[in-house]
Amino acid sequence: TLLDDATRVADRAKAAGVDVNLEVWDEMVHVWHLFAPMLPEGREAITRIGNFVKQHTA
């Protein structure tokens, strides 16, 4: 599954020393974060993504 693939990639990246943050949100459709205007969870995810990027590019 896509989740299995994502988990495997995250695990391998972590093993290689990459800072990885894989979050699994239950009961969300594929690319649910694109529905941020309608879903509070989507807005939260976008905020978390932004914080991760800022932390790693500052």
C-alpha atoms as a PDB file:
ATOM      1  CA  THR A   1       0.000   0.000   0.000  1.00  0.00           C
ATOM      2  CA  LEU A   2       0.971   3.631  -0.221  1.00  0.00           C
ATOM      3  CA  LEU A   3       1.241   3.787   3.573  1.00  0.00           C
ATOM      4  CA  ASP A   4       3.555   0.774   3.599  1.00  0.00           C
ATOM      5  CA  ASP A   5       5.730   2.419   0.952  1.00  0.00           C
ATOM      6  CA  ALA A   6       5.836   5.730   2.827  1.00  0.00           C
ATOM      7  CA  THR A   7       6.721   3.969   6.069  1.00  0.00           C
ATOM      8  CA  ARG A   8       9.488   2.012   4.385  1.00  0.00           C
ATOM      9  CA  VAL A   9      10.960   5.157   2.806  1.00  0.00           C
ATOM     10  CA  ALA A  10      10.783   7.031   6.122  1.00  0.00           C
ATOM     11  CA  ASP A  11      12.473   4.164   7.961  1.00  0.00           C
ATOM     12  CA  ARG A  12      15.274   3.967   5.410  1.00  0.00           C
ATOM     13  CA  ALA A  13      15.779   7.722   5.432  1.00  0.00           C
ATOM     14  CA  LYS A  14      15.966   7.740   9.241  1.00  0.00           C
ATOM     15  CA  ALA A  15      18.497   4.911   9.111  1.00  0.00           C
ATOM     16  CA  ALA A  16      20.572   7.075   6.762  1.00  0.00           C
ATOM     17  CA  GLY A  17      20.501   9.980   9.215  1.00  0.00           C
ATOM     18  CA  VAL A  18      17.781  12.058   7.576  1.00  0.00           C
ATOM     19  CA  ASP A  19      15.430  13.985   9.876  1.00  0.00           C
ATOM     20  CA  VAL A  20      12.045  12.494   8.996  1.00  0.00           C
ATOM     21  CA  ASN A  21       8.588  13.214  10.319  1.00  0.00           C
ATOM     22  CA  LEU A  22       5.937  10.807   9.045  1.00  0.00           C
ATOM     23  CA  GLU A  23       2.486  11.452  10.468  1.00  0.00           C
ATOM     24  CA  VAL A  24      -0.458   9.148   9.824  1.00  0.00           C
ATOM     25  CA  TRP A  25      -3.873  10.743  10.286  1.00  0.00           C
ATOM     26  CA  ASP A  26      -6.764   8.299  10.637  1.00  0.00           C
ATOM     27  CA  GLU A  27      -9.898   8.484   8.516  1.00  0.00           C
ATOM     28  CA  MET A  28      -8.540  10.962   5.972  1.00  0.00           C
ATOM     29  CA  VAL A  29      -8.811  10.578   2.203  1.00  0.00           C
ATOM     30  CA  HIS A  30      -5.751  10.642  -0.054  1.00  0.00           C
ATOM     31  CA  VAL A  31      -4.287  14.182  -0.299  1.00  0.00           C
ATOM     32  CA  TRP A  32      -6.758  15.348   2.356  1.00  0.00           C
ATOM     33  CA  HIS A  33      -4.508  18.246   3.321  1.00  0.00           C
ATOM     34  CA  LEU A  34      -5.428  19.894   0.013  1.00  0.00           C
ATOM     35  CA  PHE A  35      -8.899  20.366   1.499  1.00  0.00           C
ATOM     36  CA  ALA A  36      -7.524  22.730   4.147  1.00  0.00           C
ATOM     37  CA  PRO A  37     -10.141  25.391   3.364  1.00  0.00           C
ATOM     38  CA  MET A  38     -12.833  22.904   4.453  1.00  0.00           C
ATOM     39  CA  LEU A  39     -11.073  20.606   6.932  1.00  0.00           C
ATOM     40  CA  PRO A  40      -9.579  21.769  10.235  1.00  0.00           C
ATOM     41  CA  GLU A  41      -7.259  18.753  10.060  1.00  0.00           C
ATOM     42  CA  GLY A  42      -6.048  19.974   6.690  1.00  0.00           C
ATOM     43  CA  ARG A  43      -5.214  23.381   8.123  1.00  0.00           C
ATOM     44  CA  GLU A  44      -3.344  21.743  11.004  1.00  0.00           C
ATOM     45  CA  ALA A  45      -1.389  19.556   8.585  1.00  0.00           C
ATOM     46  CA  ILE A  46      -0.411  22.551   6.435  1.00  0.00           C
ATOM     47  CA  THR A  47       0.747  24.370   9.573  1.00  0.00           C
ATOM     48  CA  ARG A  48       2.860  21.373  10.611  1.00  0.00           C
ATOM     49  CA  ILE A  49       4.359  21.072   7.141  1.00  0.00           C
ATOM     50  CA  GLY A  50       5.254  24.773   7.197  1.00  0.00           C
ATOM     51  CA  ASN A  51       6.843  24.480  10.628  1.00  0.00           C
ATOM     52  CA  PHE A  52       8.918  21.482   9.521  1.00  0.00           C
ATOM     53  CA  VAL A  53      10.144  23.324   6.422  1.00  0.00           C
ATOM     54  CA  LYS A  54      10.965  26.476   8.407  1.00  0.00           C
ATOM     55  CA  GLN A  55      12.856  24.440  11.000  1.00  0.00           C
ATOM     56  CA  HIS A  56      14.980  22.790   8.337  1.00  0.00           C
ATOM     57  CA  THR A  57      15.637  25.796   6.132  1.00  0.00           C
ATOM     58  CA  ALA A  58      16.326  28.480   8.730  1.00  0.00           C
END
